[in-house]
Amino acid sequence: MDVSPLTQQELDGLVGIAARLCKAISSVVVAPPELTELTVATLLAGGHLLVEDVPGVGKTTLAKALARTIDAPVGRIQFTPDLLPSDVTGVSIFRPATGEFEFRQGPVFNTVVIGDEINRASPKTQSALLECMEEGQVTVDGTTYPLPQPFLVVATQNPVDLEGTYPLPEAQRDRFMARLEIGYPTPDNELAMLDRMEASNPLDALTPVCSGADVERLVAMVPHIYAADPIKRYVLDLVHATRQDPAVRLGASPRAALQLLRAAKAVAAMSGRDHVLPDDVQSVVTPVLAHRLILHAHERAAGVTDACIVAAIVAKTPIPSAKLV
């Protein structure tokens, strides 16, 4: 499908807002610049973000920092084993005075929804987000309610081998565009964190740098970034390779191919380009594809990780020629 290209003014505006978002988040979160840029790229690509790592490395801080940079309603859900689906989506309450049911909206009726420790809730409760994340709506008691647009879920989770966690269902993981791992900071970065947070929390001073309407406009602009046919073929080659790898029991879905291309377009736009390069695809391929793969049990026992599989696939997949792109 042909799409009209962005004007230079539109592209410059996108780059400017993206840079302000990255700067604001970096003022709070001590993390590599690549992680901050990927967070913003996921936002601009209209995707949902999963932040997975051990406790205490700043997962929730990253989610809250992203939410505070946008002047839009924010909802937070603290996932616990006793959380019910109605605590997420909302519930119909009977009003004796009127003799009618009244729908009370849940925290998903916000522009940005922070799902803290999502894998501490049961799979039944986790699944309450499936319709929200894919279709932008909620159905309760046979009635469908639209969610505000744009709609972004930023969820954090602990590794599944930690106490009190449930694995995310495959359908749930597939709805997250990207998975990030923060990791432990370097000694210098950790010292900077101690200095930065010694007297106050930087989150308290963080102010919005754009509005929800700005984000909605930028999300609508990203699809207009040009991707040549060889780039699309490259995306499909990477996705198809995950389905054919002998170590993988379940490979990436067609939804993964769509989201990989959208994420690559967002990275290209943030770089000030109106077209996608193979480097853009490679910069997001592991965060977009790795969490969707399910490896055979003997591969996991041998220490093989989903990120290792994606890295090996990228290494052996031919890159489109610069002349074709």
C-alpha atoms as a PDB file:
ATOM      1  CA  MET A   1       0.000   0.000   0.000  1.00  0.00           C
ATOM      2  CA  ASP A   2       1.380   3.404  -0.974  1.00  0.00           C
ATOM      3  CA  VAL A   3       1.499   6.052   1.736  1.00  0.00           C
ATOM      4  CA  SER A   4       2.273   9.718   1.317  1.00  0.00           C
ATOM      5  CA  PRO A   5       5.751  10.672   2.561  1.00  0.00           C
ATOM      6  CA  LEU A   6       6.267  12.967   5.532  1.00  0.00           C
ATOM      7  CA  THR A   7       7.285  16.550   4.971  1.00  0.00           C
ATOM      8  CA  GLN A   8      10.622  17.691   6.389  1.00  0.00           C
ATOM      9  CA  GLN A   9       8.749  19.865   8.870  1.00  0.00           C
ATOM     10  CA  GLU A  10       6.744  16.889  10.141  1.00  0.00           C
ATOM     11  CA  LEU A  11       9.872  14.772  10.415  1.00  0.00           C
ATOM     12  CA  ASP A  12      11.745  17.506  12.292  1.00  0.00           C
ATOM     13  CA  GLY A  13       8.827  17.875  14.698  1.00  0.00           C
ATOM     14  CA  LEU A  14       8.830  14.131  15.410  1.00  0.00           C
ATOM     15  CA  VAL A  15      12.590  14.117  15.985  1.00  0.00           C
ATOM     16  CA  GLY A  16      12.303  17.059  18.379  1.00  0.00           C
ATOM     17  CA  ILE A  17       9.580  15.523  20.533  1.00  0.00           C
ATOM     18  CA  ALA A  18      11.333  12.138  20.575  1.00  0.00           C
ATOM     19  CA  ALA A  19      14.564  13.787  21.718  1.00  0.00           C
ATOM     20  CA  ARG A  20      12.748  15.608  24.535  1.00  0.00           C
ATOM     21  CA  LEU A  21      11.113  12.359  25.647  1.00  0.00           C
ATOM     22  CA  CYS A  22      14.459  10.551  25.715  1.00  0.00           C
ATOM     23  CA  LYS A  23      16.103  13.393  27.642  1.00  0.00           C
ATOM     24  CA  ALA A  24      13.304  13.521  30.215  1.00  0.00           C
ATOM     25  CA  ILE A  25      13.367   9.766  30.825  1.00  0.00           C
ATOM     26  CA  SER A  26      17.177   9.728  31.026  1.00  0.00           C
ATOM     27  CA  SER A  27      17.041  12.388  33.741  1.00  0.00           C
ATOM     28  CA  VAL A  28      15.322   9.853  35.979  1.00  0.00           C
ATOM     29  CA  VAL A  29      16.373   6.397  34.813  1.00  0.00           C
ATOM     30  CA  VAL A  30      20.022   5.352  34.944  1.00  0.00           C
ATOM     31  CA  ALA A  31      20.185   3.140  31.867  1.00  0.00           C
ATOM     32  CA  PRO A  32      22.002   2.894  28.516  1.00  0.00           C
ATOM     33  CA  PRO A  33      20.781   5.413  25.908  1.00  0.00           C
ATOM     34  CA  GLU A  34      19.748   2.527  23.636  1.00  0.00           C
ATOM     35  CA  LEU A  35      17.192   1.401  26.196  1.00  0.00           C
ATOM     36  CA  THR A  36      15.665   4.858  26.504  1.00  0.00           C
ATOM     37  CA  GLU A  37      15.509   5.255  22.728  1.00  0.00           C
ATOM     38  CA  LEU A  38      13.838   1.875  22.313  1.00  0.00           C
ATOM     39  CA  THR A  39      11.277   2.821  24.961  1.00  0.00           C
ATOM     40  CA  VAL A  40      10.357   5.956  23.026  1.00  0.00           C
ATOM     41  CA  ALA A  41      10.421   4.084  19.693  1.00  0.00           C
ATOM     42  CA  THR A  42       7.893   1.581  21.065  1.00  0.00           C
ATOM     43  CA  LEU A  43       5.663   4.478  22.115  1.00  0.00           C
ATOM     44  CA  LEU A  44       5.867   6.140  18.685  1.00  0.00           C
ATOM     45  CA  ALA A  45       5.243   2.824  16.922  1.00  0.00           C
ATOM     46  CA  GLY A  46       1.955   2.482  18.813  1.00  0.00           C
ATOM     47  CA  GLY A  47       3.082  -0.649  20.651  1.00  0.00           C
ATOM     48  CA  HIS A  48       2.989  -1.921  24.209  1.00  0.00           C
ATOM     49  CA  LEU A  49       6.119  -2.360  26.296  1.00  0.00           C
ATOM     50  CA  LEU A  50       7.169  -5.204  28.616  1.00  0.00           C
ATOM     51  CA  VAL A  51      10.051  -4.501  31.008  1.00  0.00           C
ATOM     52  CA  GLU A  52      11.456  -7.719  32.459  1.00  0.00           C
ATOM     53  CA  ASP A  53      14.257  -7.982  35.004  1.00  0.00           C
ATOM     54  CA  VAL A  54      15.085  -8.785  38.601  1.00  0.00           C
ATOM     55  CA  PRO A  55      13.600  -6.613  41.378  1.00  0.00           C
ATOM     56  CA  GLY A  56      15.167  -3.259  42.154  1.00  0.00           C
ATOM     57  CA  VAL A  57      16.797  -2.302  38.860  1.00  0.00           C
ATOM     58  CA  GLY A  58      14.305   0.436  37.943  1.00  0.00           C
ATOM     59  CA  LYS A  59      11.544  -1.276  35.948  1.00  0.00           C
ATOM     60  CA  THR A  60       8.711   0.612  37.618  1.00  0.00           C
ATOM     61  CA  THR A  61      10.712   3.850  37.584  1.00  0.00           C
ATOM     62  CA  LEU A  62      11.115   3.544  33.804  1.00  0.00           C
ATOM     63  CA  ALA A  63       7.381   2.953  33.376  1.00  0.00           C
ATOM     64  CA  LYS A  64       6.457   5.892  35.613  1.00  0.00           C
ATOM     65  CA  ALA A  65       8.998   8.169  33.931  1.00  0.00           C
ATOM     66  CA  LEU A  66       7.547   7.425  30.499  1.00  0.00           C
ATOM     67  CA  ALA A  67       4.025   8.053  31.798  1.00  0.00           C
ATOM     68  CA  ARG A  68       4.952  11.378  33.389  1.00  0.00           C
ATOM     69  CA  THR A  69       6.531  12.741  30.217  1.00  0.00           C
ATOM     70  CA  ILE A  70       3.102  12.636  28.533  1.00  0.00           C
ATOM     71  CA  ASP A  71       0.362  15.030  29.617  1.00  0.00           C
ATOM     72  CA  ALA A  72      -2.391  12.402  29.584  1.00  0.00           C
ATOM     73  CA  PRO A  73      -4.372  10.286  32.080  1.00  0.00           C
ATOM     74  CA  VAL A  74      -2.328   7.523  33.726  1.00  0.00           C
ATOM     75  CA  GLY A  75      -3.633   4.408  35.450  1.00  0.00           C
ATOM     76  CA  ARG A  76      -1.634   1.986  37.561  1.00  0.00           C
ATOM     77  CA  ILE A  77      -2.439  -1.631  38.326  1.00  0.00           C
ATOM     78  CA  GLN A  78      -0.478  -3.458  41.014  1.00  0.00           C
ATOM     79  CA  PHE A  79      -0.819  -7.079  39.966  1.00  0.00           C
ATOM     80  CA  THR A  80      -1.184  -9.513  42.867  1.00  0.00           C
ATOM     81  CA  PRO A  81      -2.320 -13.166  43.110  1.00  0.00           C
ATOM     82  CA  ASP A  82      -5.788 -12.134  44.363  1.00  0.00           C
ATOM     83  CA  LEU A  83      -6.411  -9.508  41.643  1.00  0.00           C
ATOM     84  CA  LEU A  84      -9.582 -10.121  39.611  1.00  0.00           C
ATOM     85  CA  PRO A  85     -10.232  -9.326  35.937  1.00  0.00           C
ATOM     86  CA  SER A  86     -12.898  -6.811  36.998  1.00  0.00           C
ATOM     87  CA  ASP A  87     -10.229  -4.956  38.996  1.00  0.00           C
ATOM     88  CA  VAL A  88      -8.514  -4.327  35.675  1.00  0.00           C
ATOM     89  CA  THR A  89     -11.328  -3.656  33.227  1.00  0.00           C
ATOM     90  CA  GLY A  90     -14.144  -2.397  35.465  1.00  0.00           C
ATOM     91  CA  VAL A  91     -17.407  -3.745  36.823  1.00  0.00           C
ATOM     92  CA  SER A  92     -21.143  -3.178  36.489  1.00  0.00           C
ATOM     93  CA  ILE A  93     -22.741  -2.129  39.776  1.00  0.00           C
ATOM     94  CA  PHE A  94     -26.469  -2.331  40.472  1.00  0.00           C
ATOM     95  CA  ARG A  95     -28.002   0.933  41.708  1.00  0.00           C
ATOM     96  CA  PRO A  96     -31.174   0.259  43.717  1.00  0.00           C
ATOM     97  CA  ALA A  97     -32.240   3.897  43.448  1.00  0.00           C
ATOM     98  CA  THR A  98     -32.494   3.695  39.669  1.00  0.00           C
ATOM     99  CA  GLY A  99     -32.996  -0.042  39.270  1.00  0.00           C
ATOM    100  CA  GLU A 100     -30.233  -0.091  36.655  1.00  0.00           C
ATOM    101  CA  PHE A 101     -26.637  -1.254  36.359  1.00  0.00           C
ATOM    102  CA  GLU A 102     -23.906   1.369  36.199  1.00  0.00           C
ATOM    103  CA  PHE A 103     -20.520   0.590  34.706  1.00  0.00           C
ATOM    104  CA  ARG A 104     -17.601   1.709  36.827  1.00  0.00           C
ATOM    105  CA  GLN A 105     -14.469   2.000  34.702  1.00  0.00           C
ATOM    106  CA  GLY A 106     -11.290   0.181  35.691  1.00  0.00           C
ATOM    107  CA  PRO A 107      -7.740   1.551  35.493  1.00  0.00           C
ATOM    108  CA  VAL A 108      -7.367   0.467  31.846  1.00  0.00           C
ATOM    109  CA  PHE A 109      -9.490   3.483  30.856  1.00  0.00           C
ATOM    110  CA  ASN A 110      -6.432   5.712  30.712  1.00  0.00           C
ATOM    111  CA  THR A 111      -4.005   6.737  27.991  1.00  0.00           C
ATOM    112  CA  VAL A 112      -1.024   5.154  29.755  1.00  0.00           C
ATOM    113  CA  VAL A 113      -1.549   2.053  31.890  1.00  0.00           C
ATOM    114  CA  ILE A 114       1.278   0.874  34.147  1.00  0.00           C
ATOM    115  CA  GLY A 115       0.951  -2.824  34.950  1.00  0.00           C
ATOM    116  CA  ASP A 116       3.377  -3.407  37.817  1.00  0.00           C
ATOM    117  CA  GLU A 117       4.643  -7.000  38.258  1.00  0.00           C
ATOM    118  CA  ILE A 118       2.110  -8.311  35.778  1.00  0.00           C
ATOM    119  CA  ASN A 119       3.217 -11.917  36.186  1.00  0.00           C
ATOM    120  CA  ARG A 120       2.318 -12.006  39.873  1.00  0.00           C
ATOM    121  CA  ALA A 121      -1.365 -12.222  38.915  1.00  0.00           C
ATOM    122  CA  SER A 122      -3.053 -15.387  37.699  1.00  0.00           C
ATOM    123  CA  PRO A 123      -3.234 -16.080  33.948  1.00  0.00           C
ATOM    124  CA  LYS A 124      -6.991 -15.424  34.129  1.00  0.00           C
ATOM    125  CA  THR A 125      -6.408 -11.883  35.343  1.00  0.00           C
ATOM    126  CA  GLN A 126      -3.510 -11.324  32.935  1.00  0.00           C
ATOM    127  CA  SER A 127      -5.835 -12.258  30.087  1.00  0.00           C
ATOM    128  CA  ALA A 128      -8.129  -9.368  30.961  1.00  0.00           C
ATOM    129  CA  LEU A 129      -5.690  -7.191  28.999  1.00  0.00           C
ATOM    130  CA  LEU A 130      -5.883  -9.208  25.765  1.00  0.00           C
ATOM    131  CA  GLU A 131      -8.819  -7.358  24.216  1.00  0.00           C
ATOM    132  CA  CYS A 132      -7.599  -4.024  25.584  1.00  0.00           C
ATOM    133  CA  MET A 133      -4.152  -4.294  24.035  1.00  0.00           C
ATOM    134  CA  GLU A 134      -5.160  -5.660  20.650  1.00  0.00           C
ATOM    135  CA  GLU A 135      -8.479  -3.967  19.937  1.00  0.00           C
ATOM    136  CA  GLY A 136      -8.442  -0.853  22.123  1.00  0.00           C
ATOM    137  CA  GLN A 137     -11.715  -1.745  23.790  1.00  0.00           C
ATOM    138  CA  VAL A 138     -13.223  -3.536  26.785  1.00  0.00           C
ATOM    139  CA  THR A 139     -16.258  -5.822  26.793  1.00  0.00           C
ATOM    140  CA  VAL A 140     -18.076  -6.229  30.126  1.00  0.00           C
ATOM    141  CA  ASP A 141     -21.423  -7.992  30.506  1.00  0.00           C
ATOM    142  CA  GLY A 142     -21.944  -7.984  26.752  1.00  0.00           C
ATOM    143  CA  THR A 143     -21.332  -4.251  26.328  1.00  0.00           C
ATOM    144  CA  THR A 144     -18.226  -2.947  24.546  1.00  0.00           C
ATOM    145  CA  TYR A 145     -16.567   0.257  25.720  1.00  0.00           C
ATOM    146  CA  PRO A 146     -13.845   1.998  23.652  1.00  0.00           C
ATOM    147  CA  LEU A 147     -10.582   2.910  25.350  1.00  0.00           C
ATOM    148  CA  PRO A 148      -8.957   6.344  24.981  1.00  0.00           C
ATOM    149  CA  GLN A 149      -6.516   6.833  22.142  1.00  0.00           C
ATOM    150  CA  PRO A 150      -3.600   6.630  22.148  1.00  0.00           C
ATOM    151  CA  PHE A 151      -3.515   3.637  24.486  1.00  0.00           C
ATOM    152  CA  LEU A 152      -0.237   2.309  25.870  1.00  0.00           C
ATOM    153  CA  VAL A 153       0.411  -0.511  28.330  1.00  0.00           C
ATOM    154  CA  VAL A 154       3.794  -0.481  30.056  1.00  0.00           C
ATOM    155  CA  ALA A 155       4.089  -3.663  32.107  1.00  0.00           C
ATOM    156  CA  THR A 156       6.885  -4.838  34.370  1.00  0.00           C
ATOM    157  CA  GLN A 157       7.576  -8.408  35.357  1.00  0.00           C
ATOM    158  CA  ASN A 158      10.096 -10.444  37.305  1.00  0.00           C
ATOM    159  CA  PRO A 159      11.845 -13.485  35.812  1.00  0.00           C
ATOM    160  CA  VAL A 160       9.586 -16.547  36.028  1.00  0.00           C
ATOM    161  CA  ASP A 161      12.074 -18.454  38.180  1.00  0.00           C
ATOM    162  CA  LEU A 162      11.552 -15.993  41.048  1.00  0.00           C
ATOM    163  CA  GLU A 163       9.147 -16.651  43.896  1.00  0.00           C
ATOM    164  CA  GLY A 164       5.411 -16.051  43.340  1.00  0.00           C
ATOM    165  CA  THR A 165       5.360 -15.559  39.576  1.00  0.00           C
ATOM    166  CA  TYR A 166       3.185 -16.990  36.814  1.00  0.00           C
ATOM    167  CA  PRO A 167       4.388 -17.244  33.211  1.00  0.00           C
ATOM    168  CA  LEU A 168       2.628 -14.870  30.832  1.00  0.00           C
ATOM    169  CA  PRO A 169       0.348 -16.692  28.360  1.00  0.00           C
ATOM    170  CA  GLU A 170       1.748 -16.827  24.833  1.00  0.00           C
ATOM    171  CA  ALA A 171      -1.102 -14.673  23.492  1.00  0.00           C
ATOM    172  CA  GLN A 172      -0.338 -12.036  26.121  1.00  0.00           C
ATOM    173  CA  ARG A 173       3.388 -11.925  25.358  1.00  0.00           C
ATOM    174  CA  ASP A 174       2.667 -11.625  21.645  1.00  0.00           C
ATOM    175  CA  ARG A 175       0.711  -8.421  22.230  1.00  0.00           C
ATOM    176  CA  PHE A 176       3.740  -6.636  23.637  1.00  0.00           C
ATOM    177  CA  MET A 177       5.684  -5.024  20.818  1.00  0.00           C
ATOM    178  CA  ALA A 178       8.987  -5.104  22.691  1.00  0.00           C
ATOM    179  CA  ARG A 179      10.573  -6.543  25.787  1.00  0.00           C
ATOM    180  CA  LEU A 180      13.352  -4.626  27.535  1.00  0.00           C
ATOM    181  CA  GLU A 181      15.856  -5.819  30.113  1.00  0.00           C
ATOM    182  CA  ILE A 182      17.441  -3.039  32.152  1.00  0.00           C
ATOM    183  CA  GLY A 183      20.188  -5.016  33.869  1.00  0.00           C
ATOM    184  CA  TYR A 184      22.421  -3.861  36.701  1.00  0.00           C
ATOM    185  CA  PRO A 185      24.060  -0.449  36.224  1.00  0.00           C
ATOM    186  CA  THR A 186      27.791  -0.004  35.883  1.00  0.00           C
ATOM    187  CA  PRO A 187      29.626   1.163  39.027  1.00  0.00           C
ATOM    188  CA  ASP A 188      29.855   4.699  37.625  1.00  0.00           C
ATOM    189  CA  ASN A 189      26.152   4.763  36.729  1.00  0.00           C
ATOM    190  CA  GLU A 190      25.224   3.399  40.133  1.00  0.00           C
ATOM    191  CA  LEU A 191      27.297   6.131  41.791  1.00  0.00           C
ATOM    192  CA  ALA A 192      25.501   8.708  39.623  1.00  0.00           C
ATOM    193  CA  MET A 193      22.187   7.204  40.762  1.00  0.00           C
ATOM    194  CA  LEU A 194      23.178   7.587  44.429  1.00  0.00           C
ATOM    195  CA  ASP A 195      24.104  11.216  43.853  1.00  0.00           C
ATOM    196  CA  ARG A 196      20.936  11.921  41.878  1.00  0.00           C
ATOM    197  CA  MET A 197      18.573  10.369  44.402  1.00  0.00           C
ATOM    198  CA  GLU A 198      20.390  11.233  47.618  1.00  0.00           C
ATOM    199  CA  ALA A 199      18.205  14.211  48.529  1.00  0.00           C
ATOM    200  CA  SER A 200      15.077  13.779  46.404  1.00  0.00           C
ATOM    201  CA  ASN A 201      13.354  11.610  43.843  1.00  0.00           C
ATOM    202  CA  PRO A 202      13.903  12.938  40.290  1.00  0.00           C
ATOM    203  CA  LEU A 203      10.437  11.648  39.369  1.00  0.00           C
ATOM    204  CA  ASP A 204       8.909  14.373  41.518  1.00  0.00           C
ATOM    205  CA  ALA A 205      10.466  17.072  39.315  1.00  0.00           C
ATOM    206  CA  LEU A 206       9.629  15.417  35.997  1.00  0.00           C
ATOM    207  CA  THR A 207       7.119  17.368  33.921  1.00  0.00           C
ATOM    208  CA  PRO A 208       5.348  16.443  30.653  1.00  0.00           C
ATOM    209  CA  VAL A 209       7.140  17.282  27.417  1.00  0.00           C
ATOM    210  CA  CYS A 210       4.221  16.495  25.117  1.00  0.00           C
ATOM    211  CA  SER A 211       0.490  15.830  25.215  1.00  0.00           C
ATOM    212  CA  GLY A 212      -1.532  12.730  24.472  1.00  0.00           C
ATOM    213  CA  ALA A 213      -2.681  14.437  21.274  1.00  0.00           C
ATOM    214  CA  ASP A 214       0.966  14.894  20.260  1.00  0.00           C
ATOM    215  CA  VAL A 215       1.631  11.191  20.781  1.00  0.00           C
ATOM    216  CA  GLU A 216      -1.459  10.249  18.785  1.00  0.00           C
ATOM    217  CA  ARG A 217      -0.286  12.489  15.937  1.00  0.00           C
ATOM    218  CA  LEU A 218       3.232  11.027  15.955  1.00  0.00           C
ATOM    219  CA  VAL A 219       1.928   7.456  16.050  1.00  0.00           C
ATOM    220  CA  ALA A 220      -0.119   8.251  12.944  1.00  0.00           C
ATOM    221  CA  MET A 221       2.999   9.650  11.229  1.00  0.00           C
ATOM    222  CA  VAL A 222       5.295   6.642  11.728  1.00  0.00           C
ATOM    223  CA  PRO A 223       3.555   4.380   9.125  1.00  0.00           C
ATOM    224  CA  HIS A 224       4.420   7.012   6.483  1.00  0.00           C
ATOM    225  CA  ILE A 225       8.123   6.205   6.817  1.00  0.00           C
ATOM    226  CA  TYR A 226       9.098   4.391   3.612  1.00  0.00           C
ATOM    227  CA  ALA A 227      10.159   0.748   3.713  1.00  0.00           C
ATOM    228  CA  ALA A 228      11.402  -0.710   0.426  1.00  0.00           C
ATOM    229  CA  ASP A 229      10.353  -4.195  -0.627  1.00  0.00           C
ATOM    230  CA  PRO A 230      13.817  -5.672   0.184  1.00  0.00           C
ATOM    231  CA  ILE A 231      13.465  -4.316   3.739  1.00  0.00           C
ATOM    232  CA  LYS A 232      10.059  -5.953   4.102  1.00  0.00           C
ATOM    233  CA  ARG A 233      11.502  -9.188   2.714  1.00  0.00           C
ATOM    234  CA  TYR A 234      14.346  -8.922   5.239  1.00  0.00           C
ATOM    235  CA  VAL A 235      11.809  -8.573   8.059  1.00  0.00           C
ATOM    236  CA  LEU A 236       9.946 -11.648   6.824  1.00  0.00           C
ATOM    237  CA  ASP A 237      13.176 -13.631   6.444  1.00  0.00           C
ATOM    238  CA  LEU A 238      14.029 -12.964  10.087  1.00  0.00           C
ATOM    239  CA  VAL A 239      10.541 -13.885  11.290  1.00  0.00           C
ATOM    240  CA  HIS A 240      10.324 -17.027   9.141  1.00  0.00           C
ATOM    241  CA  ALA A 241      13.744 -18.150  10.376  1.00  0.00           C
ATOM    242  CA  THR A 242      12.423 -18.270  13.951  1.00  0.00           C
ATOM    243  CA  ARG A 243       9.757 -20.754  12.841  1.00  0.00           C
ATOM    244  CA  GLN A 244      12.293 -23.009  11.161  1.00  0.00           C
ATOM    245  CA  ASP A 245      14.989 -23.020  13.845  1.00  0.00           C
ATOM    246  CA  PRO A 246      15.268 -26.532  15.372  1.00  0.00           C
ATOM    247  CA  ALA A 247      15.740 -25.072  18.858  1.00  0.00           C
ATOM    248  CA  VAL A 248      12.398 -23.220  18.716  1.00  0.00           C
ATOM    249  CA  ARG A 249       9.100 -24.910  19.528  1.00  0.00           C
ATOM    250  CA  LEU A 250       6.973 -21.846  18.693  1.00  0.00           C
ATOM    251  CA  GLY A 251       8.328 -19.109  16.429  1.00  0.00           C
ATOM    252  CA  ALA A 252       7.308 -15.515  15.846  1.00  0.00           C
ATOM    253  CA  SER A 253       3.800 -14.773  14.603  1.00  0.00           C
ATOM    254  CA  PRO A 254       2.641 -12.653  11.655  1.00  0.00           C
ATOM    255  CA  ARG A 255       1.823  -9.993  14.247  1.00  0.00           C
ATOM    256  CA  ALA A 256       5.524 -10.016  15.133  1.00  0.00           C
ATOM    257  CA  ALA A 257       6.441  -9.201  11.525  1.00  0.00           C
ATOM    258  CA  LEU A 258       4.049  -6.234  11.515  1.00  0.00           C
ATOM    259  CA  GLN A 259       5.383  -4.928  14.801  1.00  0.00           C
ATOM    260  CA  LEU A 260       9.017  -5.417  13.796  1.00  0.00           C
ATOM    261  CA  LEU A 261       8.487  -3.268  10.711  1.00  0.00           C
ATOM    262  CA  ARG A 262       6.602  -0.608  12.697  1.00  0.00           C
ATOM    263  CA  ALA A 263       9.336  -0.478  15.336  1.00  0.00           C
ATOM    264  CA  ALA A 264      12.009  -0.152  12.628  1.00  0.00           C
ATOM    265  CA  LYS A 265      10.062   2.716  11.073  1.00  0.00           C
ATOM    266  CA  ALA A 266       9.891   4.467  14.436  1.00  0.00           C
ATOM    267  CA  VAL A 267      13.665   4.132  14.875  1.00  0.00           C
ATOM    268  CA  ALA A 268      14.224   5.525  11.373  1.00  0.00           C
ATOM    269  CA  ALA A 269      11.925   8.476  12.087  1.00  0.00           C
ATOM    270  CA  MET A 270      13.715   9.234  15.371  1.00  0.00           C
ATOM    271  CA  SER A 271      16.964   9.322  13.385  1.00  0.00           C
ATOM    272  CA  GLY A 272      15.479  11.956  11.066  1.00  0.00           C
ATOM    273  CA  ARG A 273      15.163   9.661   8.059  1.00  0.00           C
ATOM    274  CA  ASP A 274      12.081   9.120   5.931  1.00  0.00           C
ATOM    275  CA  HIS A 275      13.102   5.559   4.994  1.00  0.00           C
ATOM    276  CA  VAL A 276      14.068   2.364   6.810  1.00  0.00           C
ATOM    277  CA  LEU A 277      17.559   0.860   6.684  1.00  0.00           C
ATOM    278  CA  PRO A 278      18.586  -2.705   7.617  1.00  0.00           C
ATOM    279  CA  ASP A 279      20.343  -1.217  10.654  1.00  0.00           C
ATOM    280  CA  ASP A 280      16.965   0.011  11.925  1.00  0.00           C
ATOM    281  CA  VAL A 281      15.550  -3.496  11.733  1.00  0.00           C
ATOM    282  CA  GLN A 282      18.591  -5.000  13.451  1.00  0.00           C
ATOM    283  CA  SER A 283      18.436  -2.457  16.287  1.00  0.00           C
ATOM    284  CA  VAL A 284      14.968  -3.641  17.334  1.00  0.00           C
ATOM    285  CA  VAL A 285      14.865  -7.272  16.196  1.00  0.00           C
ATOM    286  CA  THR A 286      15.882  -8.826  19.525  1.00  0.00           C
ATOM    287  CA  PRO A 287      13.531  -6.746  21.736  1.00  0.00           C
ATOM    288  CA  VAL A 288      10.650  -7.352  19.305  1.00  0.00           C
ATOM    289  CA  LEU A 289      11.119 -11.055  18.522  1.00  0.00           C
ATOM    290  CA  ALA A 290      12.938 -12.742  21.416  1.00  0.00           C
ATOM    291  CA  HIS A 291      10.138 -12.727  23.994  1.00  0.00           C
ATOM    292  CA  ARG A 292       7.738 -14.368  21.532  1.00  0.00           C
ATOM    293  CA  LEU A 293       9.859 -17.488  21.038  1.00  0.00           C
ATOM    294  CA  ILE A 294       9.244 -20.674  22.995  1.00  0.00           C
ATOM    295  CA  LEU A 295      12.266 -22.947  23.060  1.00  0.00           C
ATOM    296  CA  HIS A 296      12.318 -26.698  23.475  1.00  0.00           C
ATOM    297  CA  ALA A 297      12.857 -27.802  27.060  1.00  0.00           C
ATOM    298  CA  HIS A 298      16.223 -29.417  26.359  1.00  0.00           C
ATOM    299  CA  GLU A 299      17.476 -26.172  24.801  1.00  0.00           C
ATOM    300  CA  ARG A 300      16.491 -24.173  27.863  1.00  0.00           C
ATOM    301  CA  ALA A 301      18.139 -26.774  30.096  1.00  0.00           C
ATOM    302  CA  ALA A 302      21.329 -26.361  28.071  1.00  0.00           C
ATOM    303  CA  GLY A 303      21.320 -22.618  28.783  1.00  0.00           C
ATOM    304  CA  VAL A 304      20.170 -21.451  25.356  1.00  0.00           C
ATOM    305  CA  THR A 305      18.157 -18.214  25.537  1.00  0.00           C
ATOM    306  CA  ASP A 306      15.654 -16.652  23.160  1.00  0.00           C
ATOM    307  CA  ALA A 307      17.994 -13.686  22.661  1.00  0.00           C
ATOM    308  CA  CYS A 308      20.799 -16.066  21.617  1.00  0.00           C
ATOM    309  CA  ILE A 309      18.515 -17.632  19.002  1.00  0.00           C
ATOM    310  CA  VAL A 310      17.594 -14.240  17.536  1.00  0.00           C
ATOM    311  CA  ALA A 311      21.228 -13.130  17.462  1.00  0.00           C
ATOM    312  CA  ALA A 312      22.207 -16.289  15.586  1.00  0.00           C
ATOM    313  CA  ILE A 313      19.378 -15.775  13.090  1.00  0.00           C
ATOM    314  CA  VAL A 314      20.418 -12.179  12.442  1.00  0.00           C
ATOM    315  CA  ALA A 315      24.020 -13.281  11.907  1.00  0.00           C
ATOM    316  CA  LYS A 316      23.131 -15.804   9.202  1.00  0.00           C
ATOM    317  CA  THR A 317      20.298 -13.925   7.434  1.00  0.00           C
ATOM    318  CA  PRO A 318      21.484 -12.056   4.294  1.00  0.00           C
ATOM    319  CA  ILE A 319      21.236  -8.267   4.567  1.00  0.00           C
ATOM    320  CA  PRO A 320      19.607  -6.365   1.675  1.00  0.00           C
ATOM    321  CA  SER A 321      22.038  -4.539  -0.584  1.00  0.00           C
ATOM    322  CA  ALA A 322      22.285  -0.779  -0.097  1.00  0.00           C
ATOM    323  CA  LYS A 323      21.446  -0.363  -3.774  1.00  0.00           C
ATOM    324  CA  LEU A 324      18.144  -2.192  -3.319  1.00  0.00           C
ATOM    325  CA  VAL A 325      17.191  -0.189  -0.226  1.00  0.00           C
END
